[in-house]
Structure formats: C-alpha cells, structure tokens
Amino acid sequence: MFPAIMKRRVVAFTEGFELPEAKDIADCVAFALAAPVAVNIGNIEITPTLQVPGGLSTMRPGDRES
C-alpha cells in the first residue's frame, strides 16, 4: 500500500485515544505472571481505556441513581 495513506489511516484510527505504552503492556504481562497457580489467564485484550465496545461508563459507588 501507499505509506502516506497508511499513515493517515493510523492517525485517524488512533486520534483522541491515549494509547498504551510499552510499560503498560509490560505491567499486564507482569500481572499475568504473578497470578496464583490456581488462576488460568487464557487471553488478555489490551485496548486504550476509552476504546471499548459500547463505550465506557464509570461512576463512583455513591453516585448510583436509585
């Protein structure tokens, strides 16, 4: 493919996201390696915090509406 087109596509795809850095990935690997022997981690999917299916909704425990 054309490098300029690919670069524009990558920029458009990642724009607005804080991408995980190498240390973030390393922390995930260390977490998996430190898991107890009775725990099986079969898959790890690492995505930017706001890049999740259906969007991300967070709230503090006291903020929940009744």
Foldseek 3Di string as FASTA:
>chain_A
DDPVVVVVVVCVVCPPFDFDDPVNVVVVVVVQVPDDPVDDDDDDDDGTPQPDPPGDDDDDPVPDDD
